[in-house]
Protein backbone atom coordinates (compact mmCIF):
# COMPACT_ATOMS: atom_id res chain seq x y z
CA UNK A 1 -0.09 0.05 0.02
CA UNK A 2 1.54 3.12 -0.94
CA UNK A 3 -1.20 5.50 0.12
CA UNK A 4 -3.73 5.56 3.58
CA UNK A 5 -7.39 6.93 3.89
CA UNK A 6 -10.17 6.45 5.59
CA UNK A 7 -13.43 6.50 3.94
CA UNK A 8 -16.93 7.70 6.05
CA UNK A 9 -20.42 5.25 5.04
CA UNK A 10 -23.65 5.57 6.91
CA UNK A 11 -24.18 1.98 7.46
CA UNK A 12 -27.74 2.56 6.92
CA UNK A 13 -26.50 3.07 3.09
CA UNK A 14 -23.30 0.74 2.85
CA UNK A 15 -22.13 -0.87 5.70
CA UNK A 16 -19.02 -2.69 6.83
CA UNK A 17 -20.78 -6.12 6.30
CA UNK A 18 -22.80 -5.12 3.42
CA UNK A 19 -19.36 -4.74 1.38
CA UNK A 20 -18.20 -7.82 2.71
CA UNK A 21 -21.26 -9.26 1.41
CA UNK A 22 -21.29 -8.16 -1.78
CA UNK A 23 -19.45 -10.03 -4.80
CA UNK A 24 -15.90 -10.08 -4.13
CA UNK A 25 -16.53 -7.83 -0.98
CA UNK A 26 -16.12 -5.19 -3.55
CA UNK A 27 -18.69 -2.19 -3.52
CA UNK A 28 -18.92 0.83 -5.81
CA UNK A 29 -18.05 4.04 -3.51
CA UNK A 30 -20.91 6.20 -5.45
CA UNK A 31 -22.31 9.20 -3.56
CA UNK A 32 -19.42 11.70 -3.14
CA UNK A 33 -20.70 15.06 -3.43
CA UNK A 34 -17.94 17.24 -2.14
CA UNK A 35 -15.58 18.47 -4.72
CA UNK A 36 -13.00 18.03 -1.93
CA UNK A 37 -13.12 14.37 -1.71
CA UNK A 38 -13.57 13.87 -5.30
CA UNK A 39 -10.43 15.11 -6.35
CA UNK A 40 -9.06 12.93 -3.79
CA UNK A 41 -10.64 9.78 -5.47
CA UNK A 42 -9.03 11.38 -8.73
CA UNK A 43 -6.09 12.60 -7.92
CA UNK A 44 -4.50 10.98 -5.52
CA UNK A 45 -6.02 7.85 -4.62
CA UNK A 46 -4.48 4.46 -6.31
CA UNK A 47 -5.37 1.27 -6.57
CA UNK A 48 -3.98 -0.69 -3.46
CA UNK A 49 -3.99 1.77 -1.04
CA UNK A 50 -5.33 1.36 2.55
CA UNK A 51 -8.79 2.41 3.96
CA UNK A 52 -10.12 3.17 6.94
CA UNK A 53 -13.39 2.16 6.59
CA UNK A 54 -15.76 3.93 9.31
CA UNK A 55 -19.22 4.42 9.88
CA UNK A 56 -20.77 7.98 10.25
CA UNK A 57 -24.67 9.38 11.09
CA UNK A 58 -24.46 6.73 13.72
CA UNK A 59 -25.32 5.86 17.00
CA UNK A 60 -21.92 4.63 17.16
CA UNK A 61 -19.34 6.62 14.91
CA UNK A 62 -16.02 5.04 13.90
CA UNK A 63 -13.91 2.59 12.29
CA UNK A 64 -15.42 -0.61 11.67
CA UNK A 65 -12.61 -2.35 9.20
CA UNK A 66 -10.14 -2.43 6.86
CA UNK A 67 -10.54 -2.19 2.86
CA UNK A 68 -8.14 -1.27 0.10
CA UNK A 69 -8.60 1.07 -2.92
CA UNK A 70 -9.98 -1.63 -5.95
CA UNK A 71 -10.11 0.23 -9.00
CA UNK A 72 -9.02 3.84 -10.72
CA UNK A 73 -12.44 6.08 -10.60
CA UNK A 74 -15.31 6.03 -12.97
CA UNK A 75 -18.59 8.35 -13.65
CA UNK A 76 -20.93 7.65 -10.75
CA UNK A 77 -23.85 6.94 -11.92
CA UNK A 78 -26.24 8.41 -9.62
CA UNK A 79 -25.80 11.65 -10.80
CA UNK A 80 -27.63 11.06 -13.87
CA UNK A 81 -30.67 8.74 -11.76
CA UNK A 82 -33.62 11.29 -10.96
CA UNK A 83 -34.68 8.86 -8.46
CA UNK A 84 -31.03 8.74 -6.38
CA UNK A 85 -30.68 11.23 -3.71
CA UNK A 86 -27.08 11.68 -5.17
CA UNK A 87 -28.63 13.09 -8.58
CA UNK A 88 -27.07 16.37 -10.09
CA UNK A 89 -29.42 17.59 -13.20
CA UNK A 90 -26.49 20.08 -13.75
CA UNK A 91 -24.06 17.30 -14.00
CA UNK A 92 -23.48 16.61 -18.05
CA UNK A 93 -23.30 13.59 -19.12
CA UNK A 94 -19.96 14.23 -21.46
CA UNK A 95 -18.30 15.69 -18.86
CA UNK A 96 -19.61 14.20 -15.33
CA UNK A 97 -19.39 16.03 -12.31
CA UNK A 98 -19.13 13.25 -9.79
CA UNK A 99 -16.42 9.95 -9.79
CA UNK A 100 -16.47 7.31 -7.46
CA UNK A 101 -14.22 4.08 -6.99
CA UNK A 102 -14.62 0.66 -5.90
CA UNK A 103 -13.58 -0.48 -2.41
CA UNK A 104 -12.89 -3.67 -1.43
CA UNK A 105 -13.39 -4.69 2.26
CA UNK A 106 -10.74 -7.13 3.62
CA UNK A 107 -11.89 -7.46 7.41
CA UNK A 108 -14.40 -6.20 9.72
CA UNK A 109 -12.75 -4.82 13.35
CA UNK A 110 -14.09 -4.60 16.28
CA UNK A 111 -15.62 -0.72 16.43
CA UNK A 112 -12.82 1.93 16.99
CA UNK A 113 -14.76 4.87 18.28
CA UNK A 114 -14.80 8.17 17.65
CA UNK A 115 -14.01 9.10 21.55
CA UNK A 116 -11.60 6.38 21.37
CA UNK A 117 -9.73 7.74 18.60
CA UNK A 118 -10.10 11.50 20.85
CA UNK A 119 -8.48 9.80 23.65
CA UNK A 120 -5.34 8.76 21.99
CA UNK A 121 -3.25 12.04 21.88
CA UNK A 122 -0.88 10.58 18.94
CA UNK A 123 -3.69 10.76 16.80
CA UNK A 124 -4.34 14.58 17.46
CA UNK A 125 -3.73 15.14 14.12
CA UNK A 126 -6.03 12.67 12.38
CA UNK A 127 -8.31 14.87 10.39
CA UNK A 128 -11.29 13.43 10.98
CA UNK A 129 -10.87 14.53 14.84
CA UNK A 130 -10.80 17.76 13.29
CA UNK A 131 -13.70 20.06 14.59
CA UNK A 132 -16.07 20.98 11.73
CA UNK A 133 -14.62 18.37 9.52
CA UNK A 134 -17.06 16.97 7.13
CA UNK A 135 -15.49 15.41 4.40
CA UNK A 136 -16.58 11.40 3.33
CA UNK A 137 -12.99 10.69 2.29
CA UNK A 138 -9.55 12.30 4.19
CA UNK A 139 -5.61 10.93 3.91
CA UNK A 140 -4.31 9.16 7.14
CA UNK A 141 -1.08 8.82 7.69
CA UNK A 142 1.29 6.43 7.56
CA UNK A 143 2.30 6.88 10.98
CA UNK A 144 -1.67 6.59 12.01
CA UNK A 145 -2.71 4.17 9.90
CA UNK A 146 0.45 1.89 11.93
CA UNK A 147 -0.99 2.80 15.03
CA UNK A 148 -5.08 2.40 14.66
CA UNK A 149 -3.89 -1.11 13.08
CA UNK A 150 -1.87 -1.91 16.37
CA UNK A 151 -4.75 -0.63 18.73
CA UNK A 152 -7.37 -3.00 16.10
CA UNK A 153 -4.94 -6.04 17.03
């Protein structure tokens, strides 16, 4: 793995269990509607990069699994579907605004909760812990990745 990422998913939309149950334990990461998160996918994420699978907007948010980036980017079809909550009428089909990539779940872990992450001084710089951070995809430093991996062991 060359890069590391934290990717948030609402468990009602796609949980770690859903990802593990998908064919090849791989799911398309649809619905990203932040330009910064889209740019991370388009410009920085590489096949094989490590992913901390994070459940958000739920009673106990936190890291729940380890995954990897399994594909390059392509157009997110939900932007063209008027029935989708991620529909974007302003996104042209010939130059799509929104992208997705595939994520392959590798394993479910114990819940590493947001309070537990916050209580670990060495993780103070982890972007998901910054006040006001709402990004669904954030880079993770290799030092933080290794520490979280040890915490999950």
